[in-house]
C-alpha cells in the first residue's frame, strides 16, 4: 500500500509539473514575429514597375519603386530602388529616401522665390503664391510639395512626362533655393525653356 501511494503521488507531481511547463510555453512570444514600428515620415509611391535585366544566365526579373517621403513640416526625400519583389523594392526606396532627406525653406507659407530647375529632359518652374491659393500643381510636383508641407505654390512642367525626372527636378529646385549664385543660371535655363515651350508645354 505504501508503494502504491508513493507512485500515485509521484504521478500527480509529474502532471502538475507538466501543466506548469505547458503554461510557460503558451506565454512565450512566437519566434519570427517582429514589432511593427510607426514610420517617421508619410510616403507615397510615384512609380512601381517591373523591369527585366538580360544577363549571361538569362533574364532576371525585378521591381523598381520610386518613392517620396515627407513629414509635411518642411522635410522631404526621394528614393528609387530595385528589389526581387514589390515589398523589398518599397523598403529599399524608403531607406534611400530617408538618407537623402532635406529641409525645404519656406517664407510666409510659400516658397521663397520663383525658380527653374532641370533634370534630364524635364524643366519645371516653381513659383510662390499668396496665402489661400493652395497648390496649383499636378503629377509628381504636387506629391513632392504636399509631403514637403508647402501650402501655397504654383508649378509648370515643360517638355516631360517622366515622373522620376520631374520629382528629381523638384528636389533639385529645393536644393538651389538657398544658393544665391543659382539666380544667374536661371536666366539661361529660362531662355532655353521659352524656346522649347513653343513646341510643347504641359501646364499642371
N, C-alpha and C. Protein backbone atom coordinates (compact mmCIF):
# COMPACT_ATOMS: atom_id res chain seq x y z
N UNK A 1 0.81 -1.21 0.00
CA UNK A 1 0.00 0.00 0.00
C UNK A 1 0.85 1.27 0.00
N UNK A 2 1.92 1.22 0.79
CA UNK A 2 2.80 2.39 0.86
C UNK A 2 3.44 2.68 -0.48
N UNK A 3 3.83 1.59 -1.21
CA UNK A 3 4.44 1.78 -2.52
C UNK A 3 3.45 2.36 -3.52
N UNK A 4 2.16 1.91 -3.46
CA UNK A 4 1.14 2.42 -4.37
C UNK A 4 0.90 3.92 -4.13
N UNK A 5 0.87 4.33 -2.82
CA UNK A 5 0.68 5.75 -2.51
C UNK A 5 1.82 6.60 -3.06
N UNK A 6 3.06 6.09 -2.97
CA UNK A 6 4.21 6.82 -3.49
C UNK A 6 4.12 7.00 -5.00
N UNK A 7 3.74 5.93 -5.71
CA UNK A 7 3.63 6.01 -7.17
C UNK A 7 2.53 6.99 -7.58
N UNK A 8 1.38 6.96 -6.87
CA UNK A 8 0.28 7.88 -7.19
C UNK A 8 0.70 9.33 -6.95
N UNK A 9 1.42 9.57 -5.83
CA UNK A 9 1.89 10.92 -5.52
C UNK A 9 2.89 11.42 -6.54
N UNK A 10 3.80 10.54 -6.97
CA UNK A 10 4.79 10.92 -7.98
C UNK A 10 4.14 11.24 -9.32
N UNK A 11 3.08 10.50 -9.67
CA UNK A 11 2.36 10.77 -10.92
C UNK A 11 1.68 12.14 -10.88
N UNK A 12 1.08 12.46 -9.69
CA UNK A 12 0.43 13.77 -9.56
C UNK A 12 1.43 14.91 -9.69
N UNK A 13 2.60 14.73 -9.05
CA UNK A 13 3.64 15.76 -9.14
C UNK A 13 4.11 15.94 -10.57
N UNK A 14 4.25 14.82 -11.28
CA UNK A 14 4.69 14.88 -12.67
C UNK A 14 3.68 15.62 -13.54
N UNK A 15 2.37 15.35 -13.29
CA UNK A 15 1.32 16.02 -14.07
C UNK A 15 1.31 17.53 -13.79
N UNK A 16 1.42 17.87 -12.50
CA UNK A 16 1.41 19.30 -12.15
C UNK A 16 2.61 20.02 -12.73
N UNK A 17 3.77 19.37 -12.75
CA UNK A 17 4.97 19.96 -13.34
C UNK A 17 4.80 20.15 -14.83
N UNK A 18 4.19 19.15 -15.47
CA UNK A 18 3.97 19.24 -16.92
C UNK A 18 3.01 20.35 -17.28
N UNK A 19 1.96 20.53 -16.47
CA UNK A 19 0.99 21.60 -16.75
C UNK A 19 1.62 22.97 -16.61
N UNK A 20 2.51 23.14 -15.60
CA UNK A 20 3.21 24.41 -15.44
C UNK A 20 4.11 24.69 -16.62
N UNK A 21 4.77 23.65 -17.11
CA UNK A 21 5.68 23.81 -18.24
C UNK A 21 4.93 24.21 -19.50
N UNK A 22 3.75 23.56 -19.69
CA UNK A 22 2.94 23.89 -20.87
C UNK A 22 2.44 25.33 -20.79
N UNK A 23 2.05 25.73 -19.56
CA UNK A 23 1.58 27.11 -19.40
C UNK A 23 2.68 28.11 -19.67
N UNK A 24 3.91 27.77 -19.30
CA UNK A 24 5.05 28.66 -19.57
C UNK A 24 5.29 28.77 -21.06
N UNK A 25 5.11 27.67 -21.77
CA UNK A 25 5.31 27.70 -23.22
C UNK A 25 4.28 28.58 -23.91
N UNK A 26 3.04 28.52 -23.41
CA UNK A 26 1.99 29.33 -24.02
C UNK A 26 2.27 30.82 -23.85
N UNK A 27 2.92 31.18 -22.76
CA UNK A 27 3.19 32.58 -22.51
C UNK A 27 4.36 33.15 -23.28
N UNK A 28 5.14 32.29 -23.94
CA UNK A 28 6.31 32.77 -24.66
C UNK A 28 5.91 33.45 -25.96
N UNK A 29 6.62 34.50 -26.36
CA UNK A 29 6.33 35.13 -27.66
C UNK A 29 6.75 34.23 -28.81
N UNK A 30 6.00 34.29 -29.87
CA UNK A 30 6.30 33.47 -31.05
C UNK A 30 7.56 33.97 -31.73
N UNK A 31 8.32 33.01 -32.20
CA UNK A 31 9.55 33.37 -32.90
C UNK A 31 9.23 33.89 -34.29
N UNK A 32 10.05 34.83 -34.76
CA UNK A 32 9.88 35.36 -36.10
C UNK A 32 8.88 36.50 -36.20
N UNK A 33 8.17 36.82 -35.11
CA UNK A 33 7.20 37.90 -35.12
C UNK A 33 7.89 39.20 -34.70
N UNK A 34 7.92 40.18 -35.59
CA UNK A 34 8.59 41.45 -35.32
C UNK A 34 7.56 42.53 -35.01
N UNK A 35 7.90 43.39 -34.08
CA UNK A 35 7.04 44.51 -33.77
C UNK A 35 7.11 45.55 -34.88
N UNK A 36 5.94 45.98 -35.33
CA UNK A 36 5.88 46.98 -36.40
C UNK A 36 5.98 48.37 -35.77
N UNK A 37 7.07 49.08 -36.07
CA UNK A 37 7.28 50.41 -35.51
C UNK A 37 6.65 51.45 -36.44
N UNK A 38 6.00 52.47 -35.89
CA UNK A 38 5.41 53.51 -36.73
C UNK A 38 6.50 54.29 -37.47
N UNK A 39 6.25 54.56 -38.74
CA UNK A 39 7.25 55.24 -39.56
C UNK A 39 7.24 56.74 -39.26
N UNK A 40 8.43 57.31 -39.39
CA UNK A 40 8.61 58.72 -39.06
C UNK A 40 8.01 59.63 -40.11
N UNK A 41 7.97 59.17 -41.36
CA UNK A 41 7.52 60.01 -42.47
C UNK A 41 6.34 59.35 -43.19
N UNK A 42 5.49 60.21 -43.76
CA UNK A 42 4.47 59.73 -44.69
C UNK A 42 5.14 59.39 -46.00
N UNK A 43 4.55 58.48 -46.75
CA UNK A 43 5.16 58.07 -48.01
C UNK A 43 4.10 57.93 -49.10
N UNK A 44 4.55 58.11 -50.33
CA UNK A 44 3.67 57.91 -51.48
C UNK A 44 4.50 57.37 -52.64
N UNK A 45 3.98 56.32 -53.27
CA UNK A 45 4.69 55.70 -54.40
C UNK A 45 4.38 56.48 -55.67
N UNK A 46 5.43 56.98 -56.31
CA UNK A 46 5.26 57.68 -57.58
C UNK A 46 5.16 56.72 -58.74
N UNK A 47 6.01 55.70 -58.72
CA UNK A 47 6.05 54.76 -59.84
C UNK A 47 6.48 53.39 -59.32
N UNK A 48 5.80 52.35 -59.78
CA UNK A 48 6.16 50.98 -59.43
C UNK A 48 6.05 50.14 -60.70
N UNK A 49 7.17 49.63 -61.16
CA UNK A 49 7.18 48.90 -62.43
C UNK A 49 8.07 47.67 -62.34
N UNK A 50 7.81 46.73 -63.23
CA UNK A 50 8.62 45.52 -63.31
C UNK A 50 9.66 45.70 -64.41
N UNK A 51 10.89 45.42 -64.09
CA UNK A 51 11.98 45.61 -65.06
C UNK A 51 12.68 44.27 -65.28
N UNK A 52 13.30 44.15 -66.45
CA UNK A 52 13.99 42.92 -66.83
C UNK A 52 15.44 43.24 -67.16
N UNK A 53 16.34 42.44 -66.62
CA UNK A 53 17.76 42.59 -66.90
C UNK A 53 18.27 41.33 -67.59
N UNK A 54 18.87 41.51 -68.75
CA UNK A 54 19.38 40.37 -69.52
C UNK A 54 20.84 40.13 -69.13
N UNK A 55 21.12 38.93 -68.63
CA UNK A 55 22.47 38.53 -68.24
C UNK A 55 22.89 37.30 -69.04
N UNK A 56 24.12 36.85 -68.79
CA UNK A 56 24.62 35.66 -69.48
C UNK A 56 23.81 34.42 -69.10
N UNK A 57 23.27 34.41 -67.89
CA UNK A 57 22.47 33.26 -67.45
C UNK A 57 21.02 33.34 -67.87
N UNK A 58 20.60 34.44 -68.46
CA UNK A 58 19.22 34.61 -68.88
C UNK A 58 18.63 35.92 -68.38
N UNK A 59 17.32 36.01 -68.43
CA UNK A 59 16.64 37.23 -68.00
C UNK A 59 16.36 37.18 -66.49
N UNK A 60 16.59 38.31 -65.84
CA UNK A 60 16.32 38.42 -64.40
C UNK A 60 15.25 39.49 -64.18
N UNK A 61 14.16 39.09 -63.55
CA UNK A 61 13.05 40.00 -63.29
C UNK A 61 13.21 40.66 -61.92
N UNK A 62 12.87 41.92 -61.85
CA UNK A 62 12.88 42.64 -60.57
C UNK A 62 11.86 43.77 -60.64
N UNK A 63 11.66 44.43 -59.51
CA UNK A 63 10.71 45.53 -59.43
C UNK A 63 11.44 46.81 -59.04
N UNK A 64 11.02 47.91 -59.67
CA UNK A 64 11.61 49.22 -59.38
C UNK A 64 10.54 50.11 -58.76
N UNK A 65 10.90 50.76 -57.66
CA UNK A 65 9.96 51.62 -56.94
C UNK A 65 10.54 53.02 -56.79
N UNK A 66 9.76 54.02 -57.15
CA UNK A 66 10.12 55.42 -56.93
C UNK A 66 9.20 55.96 -55.84
N UNK A 67 9.79 56.43 -54.75
CA UNK A 67 9.03 56.76 -53.55
C UNK A 67 9.39 58.15 -53.03
N UNK A 68 8.37 58.89 -52.60
CA UNK A 68 8.57 60.20 -51.97
C UNK A 68 8.13 60.11 -50.52
N UNK A 69 8.94 60.62 -49.60
CA UNK A 69 8.57 60.63 -48.19
C UNK A 69 8.66 62.06 -47.66
N UNK A 70 7.92 62.34 -46.60
CA UNK A 70 7.96 63.67 -46.00
C UNK A 70 7.15 63.71 -44.72
N UNK A 71 7.42 64.71 -43.89
CA UNK A 71 6.69 64.86 -42.64
C UNK A 71 5.65 65.98 -42.71
N UNK A 72 5.50 66.60 -43.89
CA UNK A 72 4.56 67.70 -44.11
C UNK A 72 4.85 68.89 -43.20
N UNK A 73 6.10 68.98 -42.76
CA UNK A 73 6.52 70.09 -41.91
C UNK A 73 7.82 70.72 -42.42
N UNK A 74 8.13 70.48 -43.70
CA UNK A 74 9.32 71.08 -44.28
C UNK A 74 10.41 70.10 -44.66
N UNK A 75 10.23 68.83 -44.35
CA UNK A 75 11.25 67.83 -44.69
C UNK A 75 10.70 66.86 -45.73
N UNK A 76 11.52 66.56 -46.72
CA UNK A 76 11.09 65.69 -47.82
C UNK A 76 12.29 64.95 -48.38
N UNK A 77 12.05 63.78 -48.96
CA UNK A 77 13.12 62.98 -49.56
C UNK A 77 12.56 62.14 -50.69
N UNK A 78 13.45 61.73 -51.60
CA UNK A 78 13.05 60.94 -52.77
C UNK A 78 14.05 59.82 -52.97
N UNK A 79 13.54 58.62 -53.27
CA UNK A 79 14.41 57.47 -53.48
C UNK A 79 13.88 56.55 -54.56
N UNK A 80 14.81 55.93 -55.29
CA UNK A 80 14.48 54.93 -56.31
C UNK A 80 15.33 53.71 -56.05
N UNK A 81 14.70 52.53 -56.01
CA UNK A 81 15.45 51.31 -55.73
C UNK A 81 14.76 50.12 -56.39
N UNK A 82 15.53 49.05 -56.56
CA UNK A 82 15.02 47.80 -57.15
C UNK A 82 15.07 46.69 -56.11
N UNK A 83 14.18 45.70 -56.31
CA UNK A 83 14.14 44.56 -55.40
C UNK A 83 13.56 43.35 -56.09
N UNK A 84 13.81 42.18 -55.49
CA UNK A 84 13.31 40.93 -56.07
C UNK A 84 11.79 40.86 -56.05
N UNK A 85 11.16 41.51 -55.07
CA UNK A 85 9.70 41.60 -55.05
C UNK A 85 9.29 43.03 -54.69
N UNK A 86 7.99 43.26 -54.70
CA UNK A 86 7.48 44.62 -54.52
C UNK A 86 7.83 45.17 -53.14
N UNK A 87 7.66 44.36 -52.09
CA UNK A 87 7.90 44.82 -50.73
C UNK A 87 9.36 45.21 -50.52
N UNK A 88 10.27 44.41 -51.05
CA UNK A 88 11.70 44.71 -50.92
C UNK A 88 12.04 46.02 -51.63
N UNK A 89 11.47 46.21 -52.83
CA UNK A 89 11.73 47.44 -53.58
C UNK A 89 11.22 48.67 -52.82
N UNK A 90 10.05 48.55 -52.20
CA UNK A 90 9.48 49.67 -51.44
C UNK A 90 10.34 49.99 -50.22
N UNK A 91 10.76 48.96 -49.50
CA UNK A 91 11.58 49.18 -48.30
C UNK A 91 12.93 49.80 -48.65
N UNK A 92 13.55 49.33 -49.74
CA UNK A 92 14.85 49.87 -50.14
C UNK A 92 14.73 51.33 -50.58
N UNK A 93 13.67 51.64 -51.34
CA UNK A 93 13.49 53.03 -51.78
C UNK A 93 13.17 53.94 -50.59
N UNK A 94 12.46 53.43 -49.58
CA UNK A 94 12.18 54.22 -48.38
C UNK A 94 13.47 54.54 -47.63
N UNK A 95 14.34 53.53 -47.48
CA UNK A 95 15.61 53.76 -46.79
C UNK A 95 16.48 54.76 -47.55
N UNK A 96 16.47 54.65 -48.88
CA UNK A 96 17.26 55.59 -49.69
C UNK A 96 16.72 57.01 -49.57
N UNK A 97 15.40 57.15 -49.59
CA UNK A 97 14.80 58.48 -49.46
C UNK A 97 15.08 59.07 -48.08
N UNK A 98 15.10 58.23 -47.06
CA UNK A 98 15.36 58.70 -45.70
C UNK A 98 16.80 59.21 -45.57
N UNK A 99 17.74 58.56 -46.28
CA UNK A 99 19.13 59.02 -46.25
C UNK A 99 19.28 60.37 -46.93
N UNK A 100 18.42 60.65 -47.90
CA UNK A 100 18.52 61.89 -48.67
C UNK A 100 17.51 62.94 -48.22
N UNK A 101 17.04 62.83 -47.01
CA UNK A 101 16.04 63.79 -46.52
C UNK A 101 16.64 65.20 -46.47
N UNK A 102 15.82 66.18 -46.80
CA UNK A 102 16.28 67.56 -46.81
C UNK A 102 15.17 68.47 -46.29
N UNK A 103 15.57 69.69 -45.93
CA UNK A 103 14.62 70.68 -45.41
C UNK A 103 14.32 71.72 -46.48
N UNK A 104 13.04 71.99 -46.66
CA UNK A 104 12.61 72.97 -47.67
C UNK A 104 12.41 74.32 -46.99
N UNK A 105 13.10 75.36 -47.44
CA UNK A 105 12.90 76.69 -46.84
C UNK A 105 11.57 77.29 -47.27
N UNK A 106 10.81 77.78 -46.31
CA UNK A 106 9.51 78.40 -46.59
C UNK A 106 9.51 79.83 -46.08
N UNK A 107 8.74 80.68 -46.75
CA UNK A 107 8.62 82.09 -46.37
C UNK A 107 7.17 82.50 -46.53
N UNK A 108 6.53 82.89 -45.43
CA UNK A 108 5.11 83.27 -45.44
C UNK A 108 4.23 82.19 -46.05
N UNK A 109 4.47 80.96 -45.62
CA UNK A 109 3.67 79.79 -46.04
C UNK A 109 3.75 79.54 -47.54
N UNK A 110 4.86 79.88 -48.15
CA UNK A 110 5.05 79.58 -49.57
C UNK A 110 6.55 79.49 -49.85
N UNK A 111 6.91 79.37 -51.11
CA UNK A 111 8.32 79.26 -51.50
C UNK A 111 8.99 80.63 -51.45
N UNK A 112 10.31 80.68 -51.27
CA UNK A 112 10.99 81.97 -51.15
C UNK A 112 10.94 82.83 -52.41
N UNK A 113 11.10 82.22 -53.58
CA UNK A 113 11.14 82.97 -54.83
C UNK A 113 10.93 82.01 -56.00
N UNK A 114 10.62 82.52 -57.18
CA UNK A 114 10.47 81.64 -58.35
C UNK A 114 11.81 81.01 -58.73
N UNK A 115 11.74 79.81 -59.27
CA UNK A 115 12.97 79.11 -59.66
C UNK A 115 12.67 78.11 -60.76
N UNK A 116 13.60 78.03 -61.71
CA UNK A 116 13.58 76.99 -62.74
C UNK A 116 14.57 75.91 -62.34
N UNK A 117 14.24 74.67 -62.63
CA UNK A 117 15.15 73.56 -62.37
C UNK A 117 15.03 72.55 -63.50
N UNK A 118 16.13 71.86 -63.78
CA UNK A 118 16.18 70.90 -64.88
C UNK A 118 16.83 69.61 -64.40
N UNK A 119 16.22 68.48 -64.79
CA UNK A 119 16.84 67.18 -64.58
C UNK A 119 16.47 66.31 -65.77
N UNK A 120 17.51 65.83 -66.47
CA UNK A 120 17.24 65.08 -67.70
C UNK A 120 16.58 65.98 -68.72
N UNK A 121 15.44 65.54 -69.23
CA UNK A 121 14.70 66.35 -70.20
C UNK A 121 13.59 67.15 -69.54
N UNK A 122 13.49 67.08 -68.22
CA UNK A 122 12.39 67.74 -67.51
C UNK A 122 12.80 69.13 -67.04
N UNK A 123 12.03 70.15 -67.45
CA UNK A 123 12.13 71.51 -66.93
C UNK A 123 10.91 71.75 -66.05
N UNK A 124 11.12 72.31 -64.88
CA UNK A 124 9.97 72.68 -64.04
C UNK A 124 10.16 74.10 -63.54
N UNK A 125 9.04 74.77 -63.34
CA UNK A 125 9.02 76.11 -62.76
C UNK A 125 8.22 76.05 -61.46
N UNK A 126 8.81 76.55 -60.39
CA UNK A 126 8.11 76.67 -59.11
C UNK A 126 8.01 78.15 -58.76
N UNK A 127 6.79 78.58 -58.41
CA UNK A 127 6.57 79.99 -58.08
C UNK A 127 5.84 80.10 -56.75
N UNK A 128 6.18 81.12 -55.95
CA UNK A 128 5.43 81.34 -54.70
C UNK A 128 4.02 81.82 -55.01
N UNK A 129 3.12 81.63 -54.05
CA UNK A 129 1.73 82.05 -54.20
C UNK A 129 1.24 82.62 -52.88
N UNK A 130 0.29 83.57 -52.92
CA UNK A 130 -0.23 84.15 -51.68
C UNK A 130 -1.03 83.14 -50.86
N UNK A 131 -1.25 83.49 -49.59
CA UNK A 131 -2.00 82.60 -48.70
C UNK A 131 -3.41 82.37 -49.23
N UNK A 132 -3.87 81.14 -49.11
CA UNK A 132 -5.20 80.79 -49.58
C UNK A 132 -5.24 80.28 -51.00
N UNK A 133 -4.12 80.37 -51.72
CA UNK A 133 -4.09 79.90 -53.11
C UNK A 133 -4.12 78.38 -53.17
N UNK A 134 -3.40 77.74 -52.26
CA UNK A 134 -3.28 76.28 -52.31
C UNK A 134 -2.20 75.86 -53.29
N UNK A 135 -2.23 74.60 -53.66
CA UNK A 135 -1.24 74.07 -54.60
C UNK A 135 -1.85 73.97 -55.99
N UNK A 136 -1.36 74.79 -56.90
CA UNK A 136 -1.74 74.68 -58.30
C UNK A 136 -0.64 73.92 -59.02
N UNK A 137 -0.64 72.63 -58.80
CA UNK A 137 0.40 71.76 -59.35
C UNK A 137 -0.20 70.39 -59.54
N UNK A 138 0.44 69.61 -60.38
CA UNK A 138 -0.07 68.27 -60.64
C UNK A 138 1.06 67.26 -60.77
N UNK A 139 0.68 66.00 -60.82
CA UNK A 139 1.66 64.94 -61.03
C UNK A 139 2.65 64.82 -59.90
N UNK A 140 3.90 64.55 -60.28
CA UNK A 140 4.96 64.32 -59.29
C UNK A 140 5.28 65.58 -58.50
N UNK A 141 5.14 66.75 -59.12
CA UNK A 141 5.43 68.01 -58.41
C UNK A 141 4.47 68.19 -57.23
N UNK A 142 3.22 67.90 -57.46
CA UNK A 142 2.22 68.05 -56.38
C UNK A 142 2.51 67.10 -55.23
N UNK A 143 2.89 65.86 -55.55
CA UNK A 143 3.19 64.88 -54.50
C UNK A 143 4.34 65.37 -53.63
N UNK A 144 5.41 65.86 -54.27
CA UNK A 144 6.58 66.34 -53.52
C UNK A 144 6.22 67.55 -52.67
N UNK A 145 5.46 68.49 -53.23
CA UNK A 145 5.08 69.69 -52.49
C UNK A 145 4.19 69.35 -51.29
N UNK A 146 3.25 68.43 -51.48
CA UNK A 146 2.35 68.05 -50.39
C UNK A 146 3.11 67.41 -49.24
N UNK A 147 3.99 66.45 -49.55
CA UNK A 147 4.72 65.76 -48.50
C UNK A 147 5.77 66.66 -47.85
N UNK A 148 6.21 67.70 -48.58
CA UNK A 148 7.14 68.66 -48.00
C UNK A 148 6.43 69.66 -47.09
N UNK A 149 5.11 69.75 -47.23
CA UNK A 149 4.35 70.68 -46.38
C UNK A 149 4.30 72.09 -46.92
N UNK A 150 4.39 72.24 -48.25
CA UNK A 150 4.28 73.57 -48.87
C UNK A 150 2.79 73.85 -49.09
N UNK A 151 2.20 74.82 -48.41
CA UNK A 151 0.75 75.02 -48.52
C UNK A 151 0.31 75.78 -49.77
N UNK A 152 1.17 76.70 -50.26
CA UNK A 152 0.77 77.54 -51.40
C UNK A 152 1.92 77.61 -52.40
N UNK A 153 1.64 77.24 -53.65
CA UNK A 153 2.66 77.29 -54.71
C UNK A 153 2.01 77.04 -56.06
N UNK A 154 2.71 77.49 -57.09
CA UNK A 154 2.28 77.27 -58.48
C UNK A 154 3.43 76.63 -59.22
N UNK A 155 3.12 75.67 -60.10
CA UNK A 155 4.19 74.99 -60.84
C UNK A 155 3.82 74.83 -62.31
N UNK A 156 4.85 74.66 -63.11
CA UNK A 156 4.70 74.39 -64.54
C UNK A 156 5.72 73.33 -64.94
N UNK A 157 5.28 72.35 -65.73
CA UNK A 157 6.17 71.31 -66.24
C UNK A 157 6.32 71.50 -67.74
N UNK A 158 7.56 71.47 -68.21
CA UNK A 158 7.83 71.72 -69.63
C UNK A 158 8.52 70.52 -70.25
N UNK A 159 7.92 70.00 -71.33
CA UNK A 159 8.57 69.05 -72.23
C UNK A 159 8.96 67.74 -71.55
N UNK A 160 8.17 67.25 -70.60
CA UNK A 160 8.48 65.95 -70.00
C UNK A 160 7.26 65.40 -69.29
N UNK A 161 7.13 64.08 -69.33
CA UNK A 161 6.07 63.40 -68.57
C UNK A 161 6.67 62.29 -67.71
N UNK A 162 8.00 62.27 -67.59
CA UNK A 162 8.68 61.26 -66.78
C UNK A 162 8.56 61.63 -65.30
N UNK A 163 7.85 60.81 -64.54
CA UNK A 163 7.60 61.12 -63.13
C UNK A 163 8.89 61.21 -62.32
N UNK A 164 9.83 60.30 -62.60
CA UNK A 164 11.07 60.27 -61.82
C UNK A 164 11.90 61.52 -62.08
N UNK A 165 12.04 61.90 -63.36
CA UNK A 165 12.81 63.10 -63.70
C UNK A 165 12.16 64.36 -63.13
N UNK A 166 10.83 64.41 -63.17
CA UNK A 166 10.12 65.58 -62.64
C UNK A 166 10.31 65.69 -61.12
N UNK A 167 10.23 64.55 -60.43
CA UNK A 167 10.44 64.56 -58.97
C UNK A 167 11.87 64.97 -58.63
N UNK A 168 12.84 64.47 -59.39
CA UNK A 168 14.24 64.83 -59.13
C UNK A 168 14.48 66.31 -59.43
N UNK A 169 13.81 66.84 -60.46
CA UNK A 169 13.95 68.27 -60.76
C UNK A 169 13.36 69.12 -59.63
N UNK A 170 12.25 68.66 -59.05
CA UNK A 170 11.65 69.38 -57.92
C UNK A 170 12.57 69.39 -56.71
N UNK A 171 13.17 68.23 -56.41
CA UNK A 171 14.12 68.14 -55.30
C UNK A 171 15.33 69.03 -55.58
N UNK A 172 15.77 69.06 -56.83
CA UNK A 172 16.91 69.90 -57.20
C UNK A 172 16.57 71.38 -56.99
N UNK A 173 15.33 71.76 -57.30
CA UNK A 173 14.91 73.15 -57.09
C UNK A 173 14.96 73.51 -55.60
N UNK A 174 14.53 72.58 -54.76
CA UNK A 174 14.60 72.82 -53.31
C UNK A 174 16.04 73.03 -52.85
N UNK A 175 16.95 72.26 -53.43
CA UNK A 175 18.36 72.36 -53.04
C UNK A 175 18.98 73.69 -53.47
N UNK A 176 18.43 74.29 -54.52
CA UNK A 176 19.01 75.53 -55.05
C UNK A 176 18.40 76.80 -54.45
N UNK A 177 17.37 76.64 -53.63
CA UNK A 177 16.71 77.83 -53.09
C UNK A 177 17.65 78.72 -52.30
N UNK A 178 18.53 78.12 -51.54
CA UNK A 178 19.40 78.90 -50.67
C UNK A 178 20.71 79.30 -51.34
N UNK A 179 20.85 79.00 -52.61
CA UNK A 179 22.08 79.35 -53.33
C UNK A 179 21.85 80.64 -54.12
N UNK A 180 22.53 81.67 -53.73
CA UNK A 180 22.36 82.97 -54.40
C UNK A 180 22.89 82.92 -55.82
N UNK A 181 23.96 82.15 -56.03
CA UNK A 181 24.56 82.09 -57.36
C UNK A 181 23.70 81.35 -58.36
N UNK A 182 22.63 80.67 -57.90
CA UNK A 182 21.77 79.94 -58.82
C UNK A 182 20.88 80.87 -59.63
N UNK A 183 20.79 82.16 -59.25
CA UNK A 183 19.93 83.09 -59.98
C UNK A 183 20.47 83.38 -61.37
N UNK A 184 21.80 83.37 -61.53
CA UNK A 184 22.37 83.64 -62.86
C UNK A 184 22.07 82.53 -63.85
N UNK A 185 22.30 81.25 -63.50
CA UNK A 185 21.96 80.20 -64.45
C UNK A 185 20.49 80.12 -64.76
N UNK A 186 19.62 80.66 -63.87
CA UNK A 186 18.19 80.59 -64.15
C UNK A 186 17.85 81.33 -65.43
N UNK A 187 18.56 82.43 -65.75
CA UNK A 187 18.24 83.19 -66.95
C UNK A 187 18.51 82.36 -68.19
N UNK A 188 19.64 81.64 -68.22
CA UNK A 188 19.94 80.81 -69.38
C UNK A 188 18.96 79.66 -69.49
N UNK A 189 18.57 79.09 -68.34
CA UNK A 189 17.61 77.99 -68.38
C UNK A 189 16.26 78.49 -68.87
N UNK A 190 15.82 79.67 -68.38
CA UNK A 190 14.52 80.19 -68.79
C UNK A 190 14.50 80.51 -70.28
N UNK A 191 15.64 80.97 -70.83
CA UNK A 191 15.69 81.26 -72.26
C UNK A 191 15.51 79.99 -73.08
N UNK A 192 16.21 78.91 -72.66
CA UNK A 192 16.10 77.65 -73.39
C UNK A 192 14.72 77.05 -73.24
N UNK A 193 14.11 77.23 -72.07
CA UNK A 193 12.78 76.70 -71.84
C UNK A 193 11.75 77.43 -72.67
N UNK A 194 11.92 78.75 -72.84
CA UNK A 194 10.96 79.51 -73.64
C UNK A 194 10.95 79.03 -75.08
N UNK A 195 12.12 78.59 -75.59
CA UNK A 195 12.17 78.06 -76.94
C UNK A 195 11.49 76.70 -77.03
N UNK A 196 11.73 75.87 -76.00
CA UNK A 196 11.13 74.54 -76.00
C UNK A 196 9.63 74.63 -75.81
N UNK A 197 9.17 75.59 -74.99
CA UNK A 197 7.76 75.69 -74.66
C UNK A 197 6.91 76.05 -75.88
N UNK A 198 7.53 76.62 -76.92
CA UNK A 198 6.78 76.94 -78.13
C UNK A 198 6.31 75.67 -78.82
N UNK A 199 7.11 74.60 -78.68
CA UNK A 199 6.75 73.35 -79.33
C UNK A 199 5.79 72.53 -78.48
N UNK A 200 6.11 72.38 -77.19
CA UNK A 200 5.28 71.53 -76.32
C UNK A 200 5.39 72.02 -74.90
N UNK A 201 4.25 72.34 -74.29
CA UNK A 201 4.21 72.81 -72.91
C UNK A 201 3.08 72.08 -72.21
N UNK A 202 3.41 71.51 -71.05
CA UNK A 202 2.39 70.88 -70.21
C UNK A 202 2.26 71.70 -68.95
N UNK A 203 1.12 72.30 -68.73
CA UNK A 203 0.88 73.13 -67.56
C UNK A 203 0.09 72.30 -66.57
N UNK A 204 0.61 72.24 -65.32
CA UNK A 204 -0.09 71.46 -64.28
C UNK A 204 -0.42 72.36 -63.11
